[in-house]
Amino acid sequence: MTGALMGRIRSALIKRLARQLYEKGDGFNEDFENNKKLLKEVFQYKKLRNKVAGAIVALARQAKNN
């Protein structure tokens, strides 16, 4: 594989949570730090919050490009 970047695979739970929260439209965008602050009210656990925030960033970028 030349030039292909392999990323980490997100679990279905992370993807589902991110999609549901992003579709609600509570101010989520491509800014990871902003998304983390918004998710602080939703999730207690830092690791889960960061993973979901990152997945939301990916969704926002996909929506922007399509």
PDB file of N, CA and C in Angstrom:
ATOM      1  N   MET A   1       0.837  -1.184   0.000  1.00  0.00           N
ATOM      2  CA  MET A   1       0.000   0.000   0.000  1.00  0.00           C
ATOM      3  C   MET A   1       0.881   1.246   0.000  1.00  0.00           C
ATOM      4  N   THR A   2       0.915   1.901  -1.086  1.00  0.00           N
ATOM      5  CA  THR A   2       1.714   3.115  -1.156  1.00  0.00           C
ATOM      6  C   THR A   2       0.834   4.329  -0.914  1.00  0.00           C
ATOM      7  N   GLY A   3       1.221   5.118   0.049  1.00  0.00           N
ATOM      8  CA  GLY A   3       0.514   6.357   0.315  1.00  0.00           C
ATOM      9  C   GLY A   3      -0.769   6.221   1.118  1.00  0.00           C
ATOM     10  N   ALA A   4      -1.184   5.008   1.429  1.00  0.00           N
ATOM     11  CA  ALA A   4      -2.427   4.819   2.175  1.00  0.00           C
ATOM     12  C   ALA A   4      -2.148   4.944   3.667  1.00  0.00           C
ATOM     13  N   LEU A   5      -2.974   5.719   4.335  1.00  0.00           N
ATOM     14  CA  LEU A   5      -2.825   5.872   5.773  1.00  0.00           C
ATOM     15  C   LEU A   5      -3.850   4.993   6.468  1.00  0.00           C
ATOM     16  N   MET A   6      -3.395   4.242   7.423  1.00  0.00           N
ATOM     17  CA  MET A   6      -4.290   3.369   8.166  1.00  0.00           C
ATOM     18  C   MET A   6      -4.647   4.052   9.474  1.00  0.00           C
ATOM     19  N   GLY A   7      -5.919   4.235   9.710  1.00  0.00           N
ATOM     20  CA  GLY A   7      -6.361   4.870  10.938  1.00  0.00           C
ATOM     21  C   GLY A   7      -6.884   3.843  11.923  1.00  0.00           C
ATOM     22  N   ARG A   8      -7.203   4.327  13.094  1.00  0.00           N
ATOM     23  CA  ARG A   8      -7.771   3.442  14.098  1.00  0.00           C
ATOM     24  C   ARG A   8      -9.247   3.228  13.800  1.00  0.00           C
ATOM     25  N   ILE A   9      -9.708   2.056  14.123  1.00  0.00           N
ATOM     26  CA  ILE A   9     -11.111   1.714  13.878  1.00  0.00           C
ATOM     27  C   ILE A   9     -11.923   2.090  15.104  1.00  0.00           C
ATOM     28  N   ARG A  10     -12.999   2.848  14.889  1.00  0.00           N
ATOM     29  CA  ARG A  10     -13.868   3.238  15.994  1.00  0.00           C
ATOM     30  C   ARG A  10     -14.950   2.173  16.165  1.00  0.00           C
ATOM     31  N   SER A  11     -15.334   1.941  17.400  1.00  0.00           N
ATOM     32  CA  SER A  11     -16.369   0.954  17.661  1.00  0.00           C
ATOM     33  C   SER A  11     -17.723   1.476  17.199  1.00  0.00           C
ATOM     34  N   ALA A  12     -18.646   0.572  17.030  1.00  0.00           N
ATOM     35  CA  ALA A  12     -19.994   0.944  16.590  1.00  0.00           C
ATOM     36  C   ALA A  12     -20.662   1.864  17.599  1.00  0.00           C
ATOM     37  N   LEU A  13     -20.380   1.668  18.884  1.00  0.00           N
ATOM     38  CA  LEU A  13     -20.955   2.524  19.919  1.00  0.00           C
ATOM     39  C   LEU A  13     -20.525   3.975  19.731  1.00  0.00           C
ATOM     40  N   ILE A  14     -19.232   4.200  19.509  1.00  0.00           N
ATOM     41  CA  ILE A  14     -18.709   5.551  19.326  1.00  0.00           C
ATOM     42  C   ILE A  14     -19.338   6.187  18.095  1.00  0.00           C
ATOM     43  N   LYS A  15     -19.395   5.435  17.003  1.00  0.00           N
ATOM     44  CA  LYS A  15     -19.967   5.965  15.760  1.00  0.00           C
ATOM     45  C   LYS A  15     -21.437   6.315  15.933  1.00  0.00           C
ATOM     46  N   ARG A  16     -22.174   5.435  16.590  1.00  0.00           N
ATOM     47  CA  ARG A  16     -23.608   5.666  16.778  1.00  0.00           C
ATOM     48  C   ARG A  16     -23.857   6.896  17.651  1.00  0.00           C
ATOM     49  N   LEU A  17     -23.131   6.998  18.762  1.00  0.00           N
ATOM     50  CA  LEU A  17     -23.282   8.152  19.647  1.00  0.00           C
ATOM     51  C   LEU A  17     -22.934   9.446  18.924  1.00  0.00           C
ATOM     52  N   ALA A  18     -21.838   9.430  18.185  1.00  0.00           N
ATOM     53  CA  ALA A  18     -21.405  10.622  17.464  1.00  0.00           C
ATOM     54  C   ALA A  18     -22.448  11.037  16.432  1.00  0.00           C
ATOM     55  N   ARG A  19     -22.965  10.077  15.687  1.00  0.00           N
ATOM     56  CA  ARG A  19     -23.954  10.382  14.654  1.00  0.00           C
ATOM     57  C   ARG A  19     -25.220  10.958  15.265  1.00  0.00           C
ATOM     58  N   GLN A  20     -25.696  10.355  16.351  1.00  0.00           N
ATOM     59  CA  GLN A  20     -26.909  10.835  17.007  1.00  0.00           C
ATOM     60  C   GLN A  20     -26.731  12.247  17.547  1.00  0.00           C
ATOM     61  N   LEU A  21     -25.609  12.505  18.191  1.00  0.00           N
ATOM     62  CA  LEU A  21     -25.361  13.828  18.755  1.00  0.00           C
ATOM     63  C   LEU A  21     -25.165  14.874  17.658  1.00  0.00           C
ATOM     64  N   TYR A  22     -24.455  14.515  16.598  1.00  0.00           N
ATOM     65  CA  TYR A  22     -24.215  15.465  15.510  1.00  0.00           C
ATOM     66  C   TYR A  22     -25.511  15.819  14.791  1.00  0.00           C
ATOM     67  N   GLU A  23     -26.375  14.830  14.595  1.00  0.00           N
ATOM     68  CA  GLU A  23     -27.642  15.080  13.906  1.00  0.00           C
ATOM     69  C   GLU A  23     -28.589  15.930  14.741  1.00  0.00           C
ATOM     70  N   LYS A  24     -28.448  15.878  16.077  1.00  0.00           N
ATOM     71  CA  LYS A  24     -29.240  16.754  16.940  1.00  0.00           C
ATOM     72  C   LYS A  24     -28.884  18.213  16.701  1.00  0.00           C
ATOM     73  N   GLY A  25     -27.643  18.463  16.336  1.00  0.00           N
ATOM     74  CA  GLY A  25     -27.218  19.816  15.994  1.00  0.00           C
ATOM     75  C   GLY A  25     -27.094  20.746  17.176  1.00  0.00           C
ATOM     76  N   ASP A  26     -26.442  20.324  18.228  1.00  0.00           N
ATOM     77  CA  ASP A  26     -26.301  21.147  19.426  1.00  0.00           C
ATOM     78  C   ASP A  26     -25.035  22.001  19.399  1.00  0.00           C
ATOM     79  N   GLY A  27     -24.651  22.503  18.243  1.00  0.00           N
ATOM     80  CA  GLY A  27     -23.473  23.357  18.151  1.00  0.00           C
ATOM     81  C   GLY A  27     -22.187  22.617  17.863  1.00  0.00           C
ATOM     82  N   PHE A  28     -22.260  21.344  17.484  1.00  0.00           N
ATOM     83  CA  PHE A  28     -21.061  20.577  17.162  1.00  0.00           C
ATOM     84  C   PHE A  28     -20.540  20.995  15.794  1.00  0.00           C
ATOM     85  N   ASN A  29     -19.216  21.049  15.658  1.00  0.00           N
ATOM     86  CA  ASN A  29     -18.604  21.426  14.386  1.00  0.00           C
ATOM     87  C   ASN A  29     -17.257  20.735  14.240  1.00  0.00           C
ATOM     88  N   GLU A  30     -16.375  21.288  13.403  1.00  0.00           N
ATOM     89  CA  GLU A  30     -15.075  20.674  13.144  1.00  0.00           C
ATOM     90  C   GLU A  30     -14.041  20.975  14.226  1.00  0.00           C
ATOM     91  N   ASP A  31     -14.404  21.742  15.230  1.00  0.00           N
ATOM     92  CA  ASP A  31     -13.467  22.123  16.291  1.00  0.00           C
ATOM     93  C   ASP A  31     -13.524  21.100  17.427  1.00  0.00           C
ATOM     94  N   PHE A  32     -12.441  20.336  17.571  1.00  0.00           N
ATOM     95  CA  PHE A  32     -12.378  19.268  18.570  1.00  0.00           C
ATOM     96  C   PHE A  32     -12.559  19.810  19.990  1.00  0.00           C
ATOM     97  N   GLU A  33     -11.882  20.903  20.307  1.00  0.00           N
ATOM     98  CA  GLU A  33     -11.947  21.473  21.659  1.00  0.00           C
ATOM     99  C   GLU A  33     -13.369  21.927  21.996  1.00  0.00           C
ATOM    100  N   ASN A  34     -14.036  22.553  21.039  1.00  0.00           N
ATOM    101  CA  ASN A  34     -15.425  22.982  21.241  1.00  0.00           C
ATOM    102  C   ASN A  34     -16.326  21.778  21.497  1.00  0.00           C
ATOM    103  N   ASN A  35     -16.141  20.732  20.704  1.00  0.00           N
ATOM    104  CA  ASN A  35     -16.954  19.526  20.861  1.00  0.00           C
ATOM    105  C   ASN A  35     -16.727  18.875  22.223  1.00  0.00           C
ATOM    106  N   LYS A  36     -15.468  18.884  22.686  1.00  0.00           N
ATOM    107  CA  LYS A  36     -15.166  18.327  24.010  1.00  0.00           C
ATOM    108  C   LYS A  36     -15.909  19.087  25.103  1.00  0.00           C
ATOM    109  N   LYS A  37     -15.919  20.398  25.008  1.00  0.00           N
ATOM    110  CA  LYS A  37     -16.609  21.213  26.022  1.00  0.00           C
ATOM    111  C   LYS A  37     -18.105  20.925  26.024  1.00  0.00           C
ATOM    112  N   LEU A  38     -18.686  20.791  24.831  1.00  0.00           N
ATOM    113  CA  LEU A  38     -20.113  20.490  24.748  1.00  0.00           C
ATOM    114  C   LEU A  38     -20.431  19.104  25.302  1.00  0.00           C
ATOM    115  N   LEU A  39     -19.521  18.161  25.095  1.00  0.00           N
ATOM    116  CA  LEU A  39     -19.747  16.790  25.549  1.00  0.00           C
ATOM    117  C   LEU A  39     -19.477  16.602  27.032  1.00  0.00           C
ATOM    118  N   LYS A  40     -18.829  17.564  27.655  1.00  0.00           N
ATOM    119  CA  LYS A  40     -18.509  17.455  29.077  1.00  0.00           C
ATOM    120  C   LYS A  40     -19.787  17.302  29.908  1.00  0.00           C
ATOM    121  N   GLU A  41     -20.879  17.905  29.442  1.00  0.00           N
ATOM    122  CA  GLU A  41     -22.161  17.796  30.134  1.00  0.00           C
ATOM    123  C   GLU A  41     -22.817  16.439  29.917  1.00  0.00           C
ATOM    124  N   VAL A  42     -22.452  15.767  28.817  1.00  0.00           N
ATOM    125  CA  VAL A  42     -23.099  14.515  28.435  1.00  0.00           C
ATOM    126  C   VAL A  42     -22.377  13.301  29.012  1.00  0.00           C
ATOM    127  N   PHE A  43     -21.037  13.287  28.896  1.00  0.00           N
ATOM    128  CA  PHE A  43     -20.248  12.124  29.302  1.00  0.00           C
ATOM    129  C   PHE A  43     -19.381  12.444  30.506  1.00  0.00           C
ATOM    130  N   GLN A  44     -19.329  11.514  31.424  1.00  0.00           N
ATOM    131  CA  GLN A  44     -18.513  11.664  32.618  1.00  0.00           C
ATOM    132  C   GLN A  44     -17.063  11.268  32.348  1.00  0.00           C
ATOM    133  N   TYR A  45     -16.864  10.295  31.474  1.00  0.00           N
ATOM    134  CA  TYR A  45     -15.543   9.718  31.267  1.00  0.00           C
ATOM    135  C   TYR A  45     -14.793  10.427  30.148  1.00  0.00           C
ATOM    136  N   LYS A  46     -13.574  10.849  30.455  1.00  0.00           N
ATOM    137  CA  LYS A  46     -12.753  11.639  29.542  1.00  0.00           C
ATOM    138  C   LYS A  46     -12.427  10.871  28.253  1.00  0.00           C
ATOM    139  N   LYS A  47     -12.068   9.618  28.385  1.00  0.00           N
ATOM    140  CA  LYS A  47     -11.676   8.827  27.214  1.00  0.00           C
ATOM    141  C   LYS A  47     -12.844   8.672  26.237  1.00  0.00           C
ATOM    142  N   LEU A  48     -14.017   8.380  26.749  1.00  0.00           N
ATOM    143  CA  LEU A  48     -15.204   8.258  25.905  1.00  0.00           C
ATOM    144  C   LEU A  48     -15.544   9.603  25.265  1.00  0.00           C
ATOM    145  N   ARG A  49     -15.478  10.665  26.057  1.00  0.00           N
ATOM    146  CA  ARG A  49     -15.780  12.015  25.566  1.00  0.00           C
ATOM    147  C   ARG A  49     -14.852  12.383  24.409  1.00  0.00           C
ATOM    148  N   ASN A  50     -13.563  12.100  24.550  1.00  0.00           N
ATOM    149  CA  ASN A  50     -12.605  12.442  23.508  1.00  0.00           C
ATOM    150  C   ASN A  50     -12.825  11.628  22.234  1.00  0.00           C
ATOM    151  N   LYS A  51     -13.133  10.363  22.390  1.00  0.00           N
ATOM    152  CA  LYS A  51     -13.384   9.525  21.210  1.00  0.00           C
ATOM    153  C   LYS A  51     -14.615   9.998  20.444  1.00  0.00           C
ATOM    154  N   VAL A  52     -15.680  10.322  21.181  1.00  0.00           N
ATOM    155  CA  VAL A  52     -16.905  10.795  20.528  1.00  0.00           C
ATOM    156  C   VAL A  52     -16.665  12.159  19.882  1.00  0.00           C
ATOM    157  N   ALA A  53     -15.924  13.034  20.568  1.00  0.00           N
ATOM    158  CA  ALA A  53     -15.619  14.352  20.004  1.00  0.00           C
ATOM    159  C   ALA A  53     -14.843  14.206  18.699  1.00  0.00           C
ATOM    160  N   GLY A  54     -13.896  13.295  18.655  1.00  0.00           N
ATOM    161  CA  GLY A  54     -13.130  13.049  17.437  1.00  0.00           C
ATOM    162  C   GLY A  54     -13.994  12.489  16.313  1.00  0.00           C
ATOM    163  N   ALA A  55     -14.905  11.618  16.659  1.00  0.00           N
ATOM    164  CA  ALA A  55     -15.814  11.054  15.651  1.00  0.00           C
ATOM    165  C   ALA A  55     -16.741  12.127  15.111  1.00  0.00           C
ATOM    166  N   ILE A  56     -17.163  13.060  15.957  1.00  0.00           N
ATOM    167  CA  ILE A  56     -18.018  14.157  15.502  1.00  0.00           C
ATOM    168  C   ILE A  56     -17.247  15.065  14.549  1.00  0.00           C
ATOM    169  N   VAL A  57     -15.966  15.299  14.838  1.00  0.00           N
ATOM    170  CA  VAL A  57     -15.134  16.096  13.931  1.00  0.00           C
ATOM    171  C   VAL A  57     -15.082  15.427  12.561  1.00  0.00           C
ATOM    172  N   ALA A  58     -14.903  14.125  12.533  1.00  0.00           N
ATOM    173  CA  ALA A  58     -14.854  13.384  11.265  1.00  0.00           C
ATOM    174  C   ALA A  58     -16.185  13.503  10.524  1.00  0.00           C
ATOM    175  N   LEU A  59     -17.294  13.394  11.238  1.00  0.00           N
ATOM    176  CA  LEU A  59     -18.613  13.539  10.611  1.00  0.00           C
ATOM    177  C   LEU A  59     -18.814  14.941  10.047  1.00  0.00           C
ATOM    178  N   ALA A  60     -18.390  15.953  10.800  1.00  0.00           N
ATOM    179  CA  ALA A  60     -18.539  17.338  10.347  1.00  0.00           C
ATOM    180  C   ALA A  60     -17.721  17.588   9.085  1.00  0.00           C
ATOM    181  N   ARG A  61     -16.515  17.027   9.029  1.00  0.00           N
ATOM    182  CA  ARG A  61     -15.675  17.194   7.840  1.00  0.00           C
ATOM    183  C   ARG A  61     -16.287  16.481   6.634  1.00  0.00           C
ATOM    184  N   GLN A  62     -16.841  15.286   6.873  1.00  0.00           N
ATOM    185  CA  GLN A  62     -17.501  14.566   5.783  1.00  0.00           C
ATOM    186  C   GLN A  62     -18.689  15.346   5.261  1.00  0.00           C
ATOM    187  N   ALA A  63     -19.478  15.913   6.154  1.00  0.00           N
ATOM    188  CA  ALA A  63     -20.659  16.687   5.755  1.00  0.00           C
ATOM    189  C   ALA A  63     -20.238  17.922   4.972  1.00  0.00           C
ATOM    190  N   LYS A  64     -19.140  18.529   5.368  1.00  0.00           N
ATOM    191  CA  LYS A  64     -18.643  19.729   4.686  1.00  0.00           C
ATOM    192  C   LYS A  64     -18.190  19.403   3.270  1.00  0.00           C
ATOM    193  N   ASN A  65     -17.547  18.239   3.110  1.00  0.00           N
ATOM    194  CA  ASN A  65     -17.015  17.857   1.803  1.00  0.00           C
ATOM    195  C   ASN A  65     -18.077  17.318   0.866  1.00  0.00           C
ATOM    196  N   ASN A  66     -19.195  16.904   1.372  1.00  0.00           N
ATOM    197  CA  ASN A  66     -20.254  16.348   0.498  1.00  0.00           C
ATOM    198  C   ASN A  66     -21.262  17.363   0.128  1.00  0.00           C
TER     199      ASN A  66
END
